[in-house]
Amino acid sequence: MKEICHSIELEGKHVRLELLTHQHDSHFSNIIQRDDLHKLWYTSVPEPENVAKDVDRRLGLYQQQEMLPFAVIDKRTEKAVGMTAYNKVDRETRRVEIGATWYGREAQRTAINTEAKFLLLQHAFETLSCVAVEFRTHFLNHQSRKAIERLGAKLDGILRSHIYTRTGELRDSCVYSIIASEWPSVKRHLEWQMIKPR
């Protein structure tokens, strides 16, 4: 498997994914504060004052070759609108998870998320030769589940009492995946999604 956790930049028509740095910390804090994203109990969006700490955590995992974290840049404004990452890298089986994702409200349900996921999936299957790409989300995060299902991912199952949330509660995690043999049809579907009128 081509090494996944090295700095890359992925670019589409609407979005650019660049290696996460502290450059956008204050902007991320403002987005989180403005949109109350940290108050959604079923997500792992950091509190505004803890953004730098969360970026440090992600960069620490990057240094350990366990995560490749991205800032999601809206090309129209050249401003960061959220974060995403490759994580749970399984080099032996050639699997990866796309996760640790959040967006400000202005970027939610727009072409930004669809194109960002498309770029990550395309790179995973066509450059890294992954056999599967996984997505995980809280069982009760219906917005995230619908977004994952719209991509064409299939529900593999539910991990009950899987992990503790930041509030100390055990969450059930929905595990979805797209496998390599499904990628050509998923790719066509996403290409259509990106050009259809909204």
N, C-alpha and C. Protein backbone atom coordinates (compact mmCIF):
# COMPACT_ATOMS: atom_id res chain seq x y z
N MET A 1 0.85 -1.19 0.00
CA MET A 1 0.00 0.00 0.00
C MET A 1 0.88 1.23 0.00
N LYS A 2 0.62 2.13 -0.93
CA LYS A 2 1.35 3.38 -0.95
C LYS A 2 1.16 4.08 0.40
N GLU A 3 2.21 4.70 0.90
CA GLU A 3 2.13 5.32 2.23
C GLU A 3 1.03 6.37 2.26
N ILE A 4 0.13 6.23 3.21
CA ILE A 4 -1.02 7.12 3.27
C ILE A 4 -0.76 8.37 4.08
N CYS A 5 -0.02 8.23 5.17
CA CYS A 5 0.11 9.36 6.10
C CYS A 5 1.28 10.27 5.76
N HIS A 6 1.30 10.73 4.52
CA HIS A 6 2.27 11.76 4.16
C HIS A 6 1.49 12.94 3.58
N SER A 7 2.05 14.10 3.67
CA SER A 7 1.34 15.32 3.31
C SER A 7 0.96 15.32 1.83
N ILE A 8 -0.33 15.47 1.57
CA ILE A 8 -0.82 15.61 0.21
C ILE A 8 -1.84 16.74 0.20
N GLU A 9 -2.15 17.22 -0.98
CA GLU A 9 -3.21 18.21 -1.16
C GLU A 9 -4.13 17.67 -2.24
N LEU A 10 -5.42 17.66 -1.96
CA LEU A 10 -6.42 17.20 -2.92
C LEU A 10 -7.30 18.38 -3.29
N GLU A 11 -7.54 18.55 -4.59
CA GLU A 11 -8.28 19.74 -5.02
C GLU A 11 -9.33 19.39 -6.05
N GLY A 12 -10.50 19.99 -5.89
CA GLY A 12 -11.59 19.84 -6.84
C GLY A 12 -12.07 21.20 -7.31
N LYS A 13 -13.28 21.25 -7.81
CA LYS A 13 -13.84 22.51 -8.32
C LYS A 13 -14.21 23.46 -7.18
N HIS A 14 -14.76 22.91 -6.08
CA HIS A 14 -15.28 23.73 -4.99
C HIS A 14 -14.40 23.73 -3.75
N VAL A 15 -13.57 22.72 -3.61
CA VAL A 15 -12.89 22.51 -2.34
C VAL A 15 -11.44 22.10 -2.52
N ARG A 16 -10.63 22.45 -1.53
CA ARG A 16 -9.24 22.00 -1.48
C ARG A 16 -9.01 21.41 -0.09
N LEU A 17 -8.41 20.25 -0.05
CA LEU A 17 -8.06 19.62 1.22
C LEU A 17 -6.55 19.75 1.40
N GLU A 18 -6.16 20.45 2.45
CA GLU A 18 -4.73 20.64 2.69
C GLU A 18 -4.40 20.18 4.10
N LEU A 19 -3.14 19.82 4.31
CA LEU A 19 -2.72 19.31 5.60
C LEU A 19 -3.10 20.30 6.70
N LEU A 20 -3.72 19.79 7.74
CA LEU A 20 -4.14 20.62 8.87
C LEU A 20 -2.92 21.21 9.57
N THR A 21 -3.00 22.50 9.86
CA THR A 21 -1.98 23.20 10.65
C THR A 21 -2.71 24.11 11.64
N HIS A 22 -1.94 24.80 12.45
CA HIS A 22 -2.54 25.76 13.39
C HIS A 22 -2.92 27.08 12.72
N GLN A 23 -2.67 27.20 11.44
CA GLN A 23 -2.96 28.44 10.71
C GLN A 23 -4.43 28.86 10.84
N HIS A 24 -5.33 27.89 10.91
CA HIS A 24 -6.76 28.20 10.90
C HIS A 24 -7.42 28.12 12.28
N ASP A 25 -6.63 28.00 13.34
CA ASP A 25 -7.20 27.78 14.68
C ASP A 25 -8.25 28.81 15.06
N SER A 26 -7.92 30.10 14.92
CA SER A 26 -8.87 31.13 15.37
C SER A 26 -10.13 31.12 14.51
N HIS A 27 -9.97 30.85 13.22
CA HIS A 27 -11.13 30.79 12.33
C HIS A 27 -12.02 29.61 12.70
N PHE A 28 -11.42 28.44 12.96
CA PHE A 28 -12.19 27.28 13.40
C PHE A 28 -12.93 27.58 14.70
N SER A 29 -12.25 28.23 15.64
CA SER A 29 -12.89 28.58 16.92
C SER A 29 -14.11 29.46 16.69
N ASN A 30 -13.98 30.43 15.80
CA ASN A 30 -15.10 31.34 15.50
C ASN A 30 -16.28 30.59 14.89
N ILE A 31 -15.99 29.67 13.96
CA ILE A 31 -17.06 28.89 13.32
C ILE A 31 -17.79 28.05 14.37
N ILE A 32 -17.02 27.37 15.20
CA ILE A 32 -17.62 26.50 16.22
C ILE A 32 -18.48 27.30 17.18
N GLN A 33 -17.95 28.47 17.61
CA GLN A 33 -18.70 29.34 18.53
C GLN A 33 -19.97 29.87 17.86
N ARG A 34 -19.84 30.37 16.65
CA ARG A 34 -20.97 30.97 15.92
C ARG A 34 -22.09 29.96 15.71
N ASP A 35 -21.72 28.74 15.33
CA ASP A 35 -22.73 27.73 14.97
C ASP A 35 -23.07 26.77 16.11
N ASP A 36 -22.48 27.00 17.29
CA ASP A 36 -22.74 26.13 18.46
C ASP A 36 -22.47 24.66 18.15
N LEU A 37 -21.48 24.39 17.32
CA LEU A 37 -21.22 23.00 16.91
C LEU A 37 -20.78 22.12 18.07
N HIS A 38 -20.09 22.71 19.03
CA HIS A 38 -19.60 21.95 20.18
C HIS A 38 -20.73 21.54 21.12
N LYS A 39 -21.91 22.10 20.93
CA LYS A 39 -23.04 21.77 21.81
C LYS A 39 -23.84 20.57 21.30
N LEU A 40 -23.48 20.07 20.12
CA LEU A 40 -24.14 18.87 19.61
C LEU A 40 -23.52 17.67 20.33
N TRP A 41 -24.23 17.13 21.29
CA TRP A 41 -23.67 16.13 22.20
C TRP A 41 -23.22 14.86 21.50
N TYR A 42 -23.77 14.58 20.31
CA TYR A 42 -23.44 13.32 19.61
C TYR A 42 -22.25 13.48 18.66
N THR A 43 -21.60 14.64 18.68
CA THR A 43 -20.41 14.84 17.84
C THR A 43 -19.17 14.98 18.72
N SER A 44 -18.02 15.03 18.06
CA SER A 44 -16.77 15.23 18.80
C SER A 44 -16.12 16.56 18.43
N VAL A 45 -16.94 17.53 18.02
CA VAL A 45 -16.41 18.87 17.70
C VAL A 45 -15.89 19.49 19.00
N PRO A 46 -14.66 20.01 18.99
CA PRO A 46 -14.10 20.57 20.23
C PRO A 46 -14.77 21.89 20.62
N GLU A 47 -14.67 22.24 21.89
CA GLU A 47 -15.11 23.55 22.32
C GLU A 47 -14.21 24.59 21.66
N PRO A 48 -14.73 25.81 21.42
CA PRO A 48 -13.93 26.83 20.73
C PRO A 48 -12.55 27.04 21.35
N GLU A 49 -12.49 27.02 22.69
CA GLU A 49 -11.21 27.27 23.36
C GLU A 49 -10.27 26.08 23.29
N ASN A 50 -10.75 24.94 22.80
CA ASN A 50 -9.93 23.73 22.73
C ASN A 50 -9.52 23.33 21.32
N VAL A 51 -9.72 24.24 20.36
CA VAL A 51 -9.38 23.92 18.97
C VAL A 51 -7.89 23.63 18.83
N ALA A 52 -7.03 24.47 19.40
CA ALA A 52 -5.58 24.25 19.26
C ALA A 52 -5.18 22.90 19.85
N LYS A 53 -5.81 22.52 20.96
CA LYS A 53 -5.54 21.23 21.58
C LYS A 53 -5.97 20.08 20.66
N ASP A 54 -7.14 20.24 20.01
CA ASP A 54 -7.62 19.21 19.09
C ASP A 54 -6.70 19.10 17.87
N VAL A 55 -6.24 20.25 17.36
CA VAL A 55 -5.31 20.22 16.23
C VAL A 55 -4.01 19.53 16.65
N ASP A 56 -3.53 19.83 17.86
CA ASP A 56 -2.34 19.15 18.38
C ASP A 56 -2.55 17.63 18.43
N ARG A 57 -3.73 17.21 18.89
CA ARG A 57 -4.03 15.77 18.97
C ARG A 57 -3.98 15.14 17.59
N ARG A 58 -4.61 15.80 16.61
CA ARG A 58 -4.63 15.27 15.25
C ARG A 58 -3.22 15.24 14.66
N LEU A 59 -2.45 16.29 14.90
CA LEU A 59 -1.08 16.33 14.36
C LEU A 59 -0.19 15.29 15.06
N GLY A 60 -0.47 15.01 16.33
CA GLY A 60 0.26 13.95 17.03
C GLY A 60 -0.01 12.59 16.40
N LEU A 61 -1.27 12.34 16.05
CA LEU A 61 -1.61 11.08 15.36
C LEU A 61 -0.99 11.04 13.97
N TYR A 62 -0.88 12.20 13.33
CA TYR A 62 -0.22 12.28 12.02
C TYR A 62 1.26 11.91 12.16
N GLN A 63 1.91 12.43 13.19
CA GLN A 63 3.33 12.11 13.41
C GLN A 63 3.53 10.62 13.68
N GLN A 64 2.52 9.98 14.28
CA GLN A 64 2.59 8.54 14.56
C GLN A 64 2.10 7.71 13.37
N GLN A 65 1.81 8.37 12.25
CA GLN A 65 1.35 7.69 11.03
C GLN A 65 0.00 6.99 11.22
N GLU A 66 -0.84 7.54 12.09
CA GLU A 66 -2.15 6.95 12.35
C GLU A 66 -3.30 7.77 11.79
N MET A 67 -3.02 8.97 11.35
CA MET A 67 -4.06 9.86 10.82
C MET A 67 -3.43 10.81 9.81
N LEU A 68 -4.21 11.18 8.80
CA LEU A 68 -3.83 12.24 7.88
C LEU A 68 -4.93 13.29 7.94
N PRO A 69 -4.73 14.34 8.77
CA PRO A 69 -5.79 15.33 8.99
C PRO A 69 -5.74 16.47 7.97
N PHE A 70 -6.92 16.89 7.56
CA PHE A 70 -7.04 17.96 6.56
C PHE A 70 -7.85 19.13 7.08
N ALA A 71 -7.48 20.33 6.63
CA ALA A 71 -8.37 21.49 6.69
C ALA A 71 -9.13 21.51 5.38
N VAL A 72 -10.43 21.73 5.45
CA VAL A 72 -11.28 21.78 4.26
C VAL A 72 -11.45 23.25 3.88
N ILE A 73 -10.95 23.61 2.69
CA ILE A 73 -10.95 25.00 2.24
C ILE A 73 -12.00 25.20 1.15
N ASP A 74 -12.88 26.17 1.36
CA ASP A 74 -13.86 26.57 0.34
C ASP A 74 -13.11 27.44 -0.67
N LYS A 75 -12.97 26.96 -1.90
CA LYS A 75 -12.18 27.69 -2.90
C LYS A 75 -12.82 29.03 -3.29
N ARG A 76 -14.11 29.15 -3.09
CA ARG A 76 -14.79 30.40 -3.44
C ARG A 76 -14.32 31.55 -2.53
N THR A 77 -14.11 31.23 -1.25
CA THR A 77 -13.71 32.25 -0.28
C THR A 77 -12.26 32.11 0.18
N GLU A 78 -11.65 30.95 -0.13
CA GLU A 78 -10.30 30.61 0.34
C GLU A 78 -10.25 30.55 1.87
N LYS A 79 -11.39 30.24 2.50
CA LYS A 79 -11.42 30.11 3.95
C LYS A 79 -11.70 28.67 4.34
N ALA A 80 -11.14 28.27 5.48
CA ALA A 80 -11.39 26.94 6.01
C ALA A 80 -12.82 26.87 6.53
N VAL A 81 -13.51 25.77 6.21
CA VAL A 81 -14.91 25.62 6.63
C VAL A 81 -15.11 24.37 7.49
N GLY A 82 -14.03 23.62 7.73
CA GLY A 82 -14.15 22.42 8.55
C GLY A 82 -12.89 21.58 8.51
N MET A 83 -13.00 20.40 9.11
CA MET A 83 -11.89 19.45 9.16
C MET A 83 -12.39 18.07 8.73
N THR A 84 -11.47 17.27 8.22
CA THR A 84 -11.74 15.86 7.94
C THR A 84 -10.41 15.11 8.02
N ALA A 85 -10.44 13.81 7.88
CA ALA A 85 -9.19 13.04 8.01
C ALA A 85 -9.34 11.63 7.45
N TYR A 86 -8.19 11.07 7.07
CA TYR A 86 -8.06 9.62 6.95
C TYR A 86 -7.60 9.15 8.34
N ASN A 87 -8.25 8.14 8.89
CA ASN A 87 -7.75 7.57 10.13
C ASN A 87 -8.01 6.07 10.15
N LYS A 88 -7.67 5.43 11.27
CA LYS A 88 -7.77 3.97 11.39
C LYS A 88 -7.13 3.28 10.18
N VAL A 89 -5.90 3.65 9.91
CA VAL A 89 -5.17 3.13 8.75
C VAL A 89 -4.75 1.68 9.01
N ASP A 90 -5.21 0.78 8.16
CA ASP A 90 -4.84 -0.65 8.24
C ASP A 90 -4.01 -0.97 7.00
N ARG A 91 -2.68 -0.90 7.15
CA ARG A 91 -1.79 -1.09 6.00
C ARG A 91 -1.81 -2.53 5.49
N GLU A 92 -1.96 -3.49 6.39
CA GLU A 92 -1.92 -4.90 5.99
C GLU A 92 -3.12 -5.25 5.10
N THR A 93 -4.30 -4.84 5.51
CA THR A 93 -5.51 -5.15 4.74
C THR A 93 -5.82 -4.08 3.70
N ARG A 94 -5.15 -2.94 3.78
CA ARG A 94 -5.37 -1.81 2.87
C ARG A 94 -6.80 -1.26 3.03
N ARG A 95 -7.10 -0.90 4.28
CA ARG A 95 -8.37 -0.25 4.61
C ARG A 95 -8.06 1.07 5.30
N VAL A 96 -8.99 2.00 5.17
CA VAL A 96 -8.84 3.28 5.84
C VAL A 96 -10.23 3.80 6.18
N GLU A 97 -10.30 4.62 7.19
CA GLU A 97 -11.57 5.28 7.54
C GLU A 97 -11.49 6.75 7.16
N ILE A 98 -12.57 7.29 6.62
CA ILE A 98 -12.72 8.73 6.45
C ILE A 98 -13.58 9.18 7.62
N GLY A 99 -13.04 10.07 8.44
CA GLY A 99 -13.79 10.47 9.62
C GLY A 99 -13.22 11.70 10.28
N ALA A 100 -13.56 11.87 11.57
CA ALA A 100 -13.15 13.06 12.33
C ALA A 100 -13.53 14.32 11.56
N THR A 101 -14.74 14.29 10.98
CA THR A 101 -15.19 15.35 10.08
C THR A 101 -16.22 16.25 10.75
N TRP A 102 -16.05 17.54 10.57
CA TRP A 102 -17.10 18.50 10.93
C TRP A 102 -17.01 19.69 9.99
N TYR A 103 -18.16 20.36 9.81
CA TYR A 103 -18.25 21.55 8.95
C TYR A 103 -19.06 22.63 9.65
N GLY A 104 -18.72 23.89 9.35
CA GLY A 104 -19.59 24.99 9.75
C GLY A 104 -20.92 24.89 9.02
N ARG A 105 -21.94 25.52 9.58
CA ARG A 105 -23.29 25.37 9.01
C ARG A 105 -23.38 25.81 7.55
N GLU A 106 -22.59 26.83 7.17
CA GLU A 106 -22.68 27.32 5.78
C GLU A 106 -22.17 26.30 4.77
N ALA A 107 -21.40 25.32 5.24
CA ALA A 107 -20.85 24.30 4.34
C ALA A 107 -21.63 22.99 4.39
N GLN A 108 -22.53 22.87 5.37
CA GLN A 108 -23.30 21.63 5.50
C GLN A 108 -24.35 21.55 4.40
N ARG A 109 -24.57 20.34 3.91
CA ARG A 109 -25.54 20.07 2.84
C ARG A 109 -25.25 20.90 1.58
N THR A 110 -23.97 21.06 1.28
CA THR A 110 -23.55 21.76 0.06
C THR A 110 -22.64 20.83 -0.74
N ALA A 111 -22.19 21.33 -1.89
CA ALA A 111 -21.28 20.56 -2.73
C ALA A 111 -19.93 20.33 -2.04
N ILE A 112 -19.64 21.10 -1.01
CA ILE A 112 -18.34 21.00 -0.35
C ILE A 112 -18.12 19.61 0.24
N ASN A 113 -19.07 19.12 1.02
CA ASN A 113 -18.90 17.80 1.65
C ASN A 113 -18.87 16.70 0.60
N THR A 114 -19.77 16.76 -0.38
CA THR A 114 -19.80 15.72 -1.42
C THR A 114 -18.47 15.67 -2.15
N GLU A 115 -17.96 16.84 -2.54
CA GLU A 115 -16.70 16.85 -3.29
C GLU A 115 -15.52 16.44 -2.41
N ALA A 116 -15.51 16.86 -1.15
CA ALA A 116 -14.42 16.46 -0.25
C ALA A 116 -14.39 14.94 -0.10
N LYS A 117 -15.56 14.34 0.10
CA LYS A 117 -15.63 12.88 0.23
C LYS A 117 -15.22 12.21 -1.08
N PHE A 118 -15.65 12.79 -2.20
CA PHE A 118 -15.28 12.24 -3.51
C PHE A 118 -13.75 12.22 -3.66
N LEU A 119 -13.10 13.33 -3.34
CA LEU A 119 -11.64 13.42 -3.48
C LEU A 119 -10.94 12.40 -2.59
N LEU A 120 -11.42 12.25 -1.35
CA LEU A 120 -10.82 11.29 -0.43
C LEU A 120 -11.04 9.86 -0.89
N LEU A 121 -12.24 9.55 -1.37
CA LEU A 121 -12.53 8.21 -1.87
C LEU A 121 -11.71 7.90 -3.12
N GLN A 122 -11.66 8.85 -4.04
CA GLN A 122 -10.91 8.66 -5.28
C GLN A 122 -9.44 8.39 -4.98
N HIS A 123 -8.86 9.17 -4.08
CA HIS A 123 -7.46 8.98 -3.72
C HIS A 123 -7.25 7.62 -3.05
N ALA A 124 -8.18 7.25 -2.17
CA ALA A 124 -8.05 5.97 -1.45
C ALA A 124 -8.08 4.79 -2.41
N PHE A 125 -9.04 4.79 -3.34
CA PHE A 125 -9.19 3.64 -4.23
C PHE A 125 -8.24 3.68 -5.42
N GLU A 126 -8.02 4.85 -6.00
CA GLU A 126 -7.27 4.92 -7.26
C GLU A 126 -5.78 5.15 -7.07
N THR A 127 -5.37 5.76 -5.96
CA THR A 127 -3.94 5.99 -5.72
C THR A 127 -3.39 5.04 -4.66
N LEU A 128 -4.15 4.87 -3.58
CA LEU A 128 -3.67 4.03 -2.47
C LEU A 128 -4.05 2.57 -2.62
N SER A 129 -4.90 2.25 -3.61
CA SER A 129 -5.36 0.87 -3.86
C SER A 129 -6.01 0.23 -2.63
N CYS A 130 -6.82 0.99 -1.93
CA CYS A 130 -7.54 0.45 -0.77
C CYS A 130 -8.57 -0.58 -1.23
N VAL A 131 -8.79 -1.59 -0.39
CA VAL A 131 -9.84 -2.57 -0.67
C VAL A 131 -11.17 -2.12 -0.10
N ALA A 132 -11.12 -1.23 0.89
CA ALA A 132 -12.36 -0.72 1.49
C ALA A 132 -12.08 0.61 2.18
N VAL A 133 -13.10 1.46 2.19
CA VAL A 133 -13.07 2.71 2.93
C VAL A 133 -14.25 2.68 3.89
N GLU A 134 -13.97 3.02 5.12
CA GLU A 134 -14.97 2.89 6.19
C GLU A 134 -15.39 4.27 6.69
N PHE A 135 -16.60 4.34 7.21
CA PHE A 135 -17.13 5.54 7.87
C PHE A 135 -17.78 5.07 9.17
N ARG A 136 -17.61 5.84 10.24
CA ARG A 136 -18.27 5.52 11.51
C ARG A 136 -18.94 6.78 12.04
N THR A 137 -20.10 6.61 12.65
CA THR A 137 -20.78 7.74 13.24
C THR A 137 -21.66 7.27 14.39
N HIS A 138 -22.03 8.20 15.23
CA HIS A 138 -22.92 7.91 16.36
C HIS A 138 -24.26 7.42 15.83
N PHE A 139 -24.79 6.39 16.45
CA PHE A 139 -26.09 5.83 16.06
C PHE A 139 -27.17 6.91 16.00
N LEU A 140 -27.10 7.88 16.90
CA LEU A 140 -28.14 8.91 16.98
C LEU A 140 -27.84 10.15 16.13
N ASN A 141 -26.72 10.16 15.41
CA ASN A 141 -26.39 11.29 14.54
C ASN A 141 -27.03 11.04 13.17
N HIS A 142 -28.32 11.30 13.09
CA HIS A 142 -29.08 10.98 11.88
C HIS A 142 -28.63 11.79 10.67
N GLN A 143 -28.22 13.04 10.88
CA GLN A 143 -27.74 13.86 9.77
C GLN A 143 -26.48 13.25 9.15
N SER A 144 -25.56 12.82 10.00
CA SER A 144 -24.33 12.19 9.50
C SER A 144 -24.63 10.87 8.81
N ARG A 145 -25.52 10.07 9.39
CA ARG A 145 -25.86 8.78 8.80
C ARG A 145 -26.46 8.96 7.40
N LYS A 146 -27.35 9.93 7.26
CA LYS A 146 -27.97 10.18 5.95
C LYS A 146 -26.92 10.63 4.94
N ALA A 147 -26.00 11.50 5.38
CA ALA A 147 -24.95 11.98 4.47
C ALA A 147 -24.06 10.82 4.01
N ILE A 148 -23.72 9.91 4.92
CA ILE A 148 -22.90 8.75 4.56
C ILE A 148 -23.65 7.84 3.60
N GLU A 149 -24.92 7.62 3.87
CA GLU A 149 -25.73 6.77 2.99
C GLU A 149 -25.90 7.38 1.60
N ARG A 150 -25.99 8.72 1.54
CA ARG A 150 -26.09 9.40 0.23
C ARG A 150 -24.85 9.18 -0.62
N LEU A 151 -23.71 8.95 0.03
CA LEU A 151 -22.48 8.68 -0.71
C LEU A 151 -22.54 7.33 -1.42
N GLY A 152 -23.37 6.43 -0.93
CA GLY A 152 -23.44 5.08 -1.49
C GLY A 152 -22.82 4.04 -0.58
N ALA A 153 -22.44 4.44 0.65
CA ALA A 153 -21.88 3.48 1.60
C ALA A 153 -22.98 2.59 2.15
N LYS A 154 -22.60 1.36 2.47
CA LYS A 154 -23.55 0.39 3.03
C LYS A 154 -23.27 0.20 4.52
N LEU A 155 -24.35 0.01 5.27
CA LEU A 155 -24.22 -0.22 6.71
C LEU A 155 -23.70 -1.64 6.95
N ASP A 156 -22.51 -1.74 7.54
CA ASP A 156 -21.94 -3.05 7.88
C ASP A 156 -22.52 -3.58 9.18
N GLY A 157 -22.84 -2.67 10.10
CA GLY A 157 -23.39 -3.10 11.37
C GLY A 157 -23.28 -1.99 12.41
N ILE A 158 -23.71 -2.30 13.61
CA ILE A 158 -23.70 -1.34 14.71
C ILE A 158 -22.88 -1.93 15.85
N LEU A 159 -21.86 -1.18 16.27
CA LEU A 159 -21.04 -1.58 17.42
C LEU A 159 -21.71 -1.00 18.66
N ARG A 160 -22.31 -1.85 19.46
CA ARG A 160 -23.06 -1.39 20.62
C ARG A 160 -22.12 -1.14 21.80
N SER A 161 -22.41 -0.06 22.54
CA SER A 161 -21.55 0.35 23.66
C SER A 161 -20.09 0.36 23.21
N HIS A 162 -19.84 1.07 22.11
CA HIS A 162 -18.56 1.00 21.41
C HIS A 162 -17.47 1.84 22.07
N ILE A 163 -17.74 3.14 22.22
CA ILE A 163 -16.73 4.03 22.80
C ILE A 163 -17.42 5.07 23.67
N TYR A 164 -16.62 5.67 24.55
CA TYR A 164 -17.15 6.74 25.40
C TYR A 164 -17.11 8.06 24.64
N THR A 165 -18.18 8.84 24.79
CA THR A 165 -18.22 10.18 24.22
C THR A 165 -17.50 11.12 25.17
N ARG A 166 -17.32 12.37 24.74
CA ARG A 166 -16.64 13.33 25.62
C ARG A 166 -17.46 13.64 26.87
N THR A 167 -18.77 13.31 26.85
CA THR A 167 -19.60 13.52 28.04
C THR A 167 -19.58 12.31 28.96
N GLY A 168 -18.82 11.28 28.58
CA GLY A 168 -18.69 10.10 29.42
C GLY A 168 -19.73 9.03 29.19
N GLU A 169 -20.57 9.22 28.18
CA GLU A 169 -21.59 8.22 27.87
C GLU A 169 -21.06 7.23 26.83
N LEU A 170 -21.50 5.98 26.93
CA LEU A 170 -21.15 5.00 25.91
C LEU A 170 -22.03 5.21 24.69
N ARG A 171 -21.42 5.24 23.53
CA ARG A 171 -22.20 5.41 22.30
C ARG A 171 -22.22 4.12 21.50
N ASP A 172 -23.30 3.96 20.75
CA ASP A 172 -23.37 2.92 19.73
C ASP A 172 -22.86 3.54 18.44
N SER A 173 -21.98 2.85 17.72
CA SER A 173 -21.40 3.38 16.48
C SER A 173 -21.91 2.62 15.28
N CYS A 174 -22.40 3.34 14.29
CA CYS A 174 -22.77 2.74 13.01
C CYS A 174 -21.53 2.67 12.14
N VAL A 175 -21.25 1.50 11.59
CA VAL A 175 -20.08 1.30 10.73
C VAL A 175 -20.57 1.09 9.30
N TYR A 176 -20.12 1.94 8.40
CA TYR A 176 -20.45 1.86 6.98
C TYR A 176 -19.18 1.61 6.19
N SER A 177 -19.32 1.10 4.97
CA SER A 177 -18.14 0.98 4.10
C SER A 177 -18.53 1.02 2.64
N ILE A 178 -17.54 1.36 1.84
CA ILE A 178 -17.57 1.21 0.38
C ILE A 178 -16.38 0.33 0.05
N ILE A 179 -16.59 -0.73 -0.74
CA ILE A 179 -15.48 -1.61 -1.10
C ILE A 179 -15.04 -1.31 -2.53
N ALA A 180 -13.85 -1.78 -2.87
CA ALA A 180 -13.23 -1.42 -4.15
C ALA A 180 -14.11 -1.77 -5.34
N SER A 181 -14.78 -2.91 -5.30
CA SER A 181 -15.61 -3.32 -6.44
C SER A 181 -16.82 -2.40 -6.62
N GLU A 182 -17.20 -1.69 -5.57
CA GLU A 182 -18.33 -0.76 -5.65
C GLU A 182 -17.92 0.63 -6.11
N TRP A 183 -16.62 0.92 -6.05
CA TRP A 183 -16.15 2.27 -6.32
C TRP A 183 -16.57 2.79 -7.70
N PRO A 184 -16.46 2.03 -8.80
CA PRO A 184 -16.84 2.60 -10.10
C PRO A 184 -18.28 3.12 -10.12
N SER A 185 -19.22 2.38 -9.55
CA SER A 185 -20.61 2.85 -9.56
C SER A 185 -20.82 3.99 -8.56
N VAL A 186 -20.16 3.92 -7.42
CA VAL A 186 -20.24 5.02 -6.45
C VAL A 186 -19.65 6.29 -7.05
N LYS A 187 -18.54 6.13 -7.77
CA LYS A 187 -17.90 7.28 -8.41
C LYS A 187 -18.84 7.95 -9.40
N ARG A 188 -19.50 7.15 -10.25
CA ARG A 188 -20.45 7.73 -11.21
C ARG A 188 -21.59 8.44 -10.49
N HIS A 189 -22.08 7.84 -9.42
CA HIS A 189 -23.16 8.44 -8.64
C HIS A 189 -22.73 9.78 -8.05
N LEU A 190 -21.52 9.84 -7.49
CA LEU A 190 -21.05 11.08 -6.89
C LEU A 190 -20.77 12.14 -7.94
N GLU A 191 -20.25 11.73 -9.09
CA GLU A 191 -20.03 12.70 -10.18
C GLU A 191 -21.35 13.31 -10.61
N TRP A 192 -22.41 12.50 -10.66
CA TRP A 192 -23.73 13.03 -11.00
C TRP A 192 -24.23 13.96 -9.90
N GLN A 193 -24.03 13.56 -8.64
CA GLN A 193 -24.47 14.40 -7.52
C GLN A 193 -23.82 15.78 -7.57
N MET A 194 -22.56 15.81 -8.01
CA MET A 194 -21.83 17.08 -8.01
C MET A 194 -22.23 18.01 -9.14
N ILE A 195 -22.85 17.47 -10.20
CA ILE A 195 -23.24 18.35 -11.32
C ILE A 195 -24.73 18.62 -11.37
N LYS A 196 -25.53 17.85 -10.62
CA LYS A 196 -26.98 18.06 -10.69
C LYS A 196 -27.34 19.38 -10.01
N PRO A 197 -28.40 20.03 -10.48
CA PRO A 197 -28.82 21.29 -9.85
C PRO A 197 -29.21 21.06 -8.40
N ARG A 198 -28.88 22.03 -7.54
CA ARG A 198 -29.23 21.92 -6.11
C ARG A 198 -30.39 22.82 -5.79
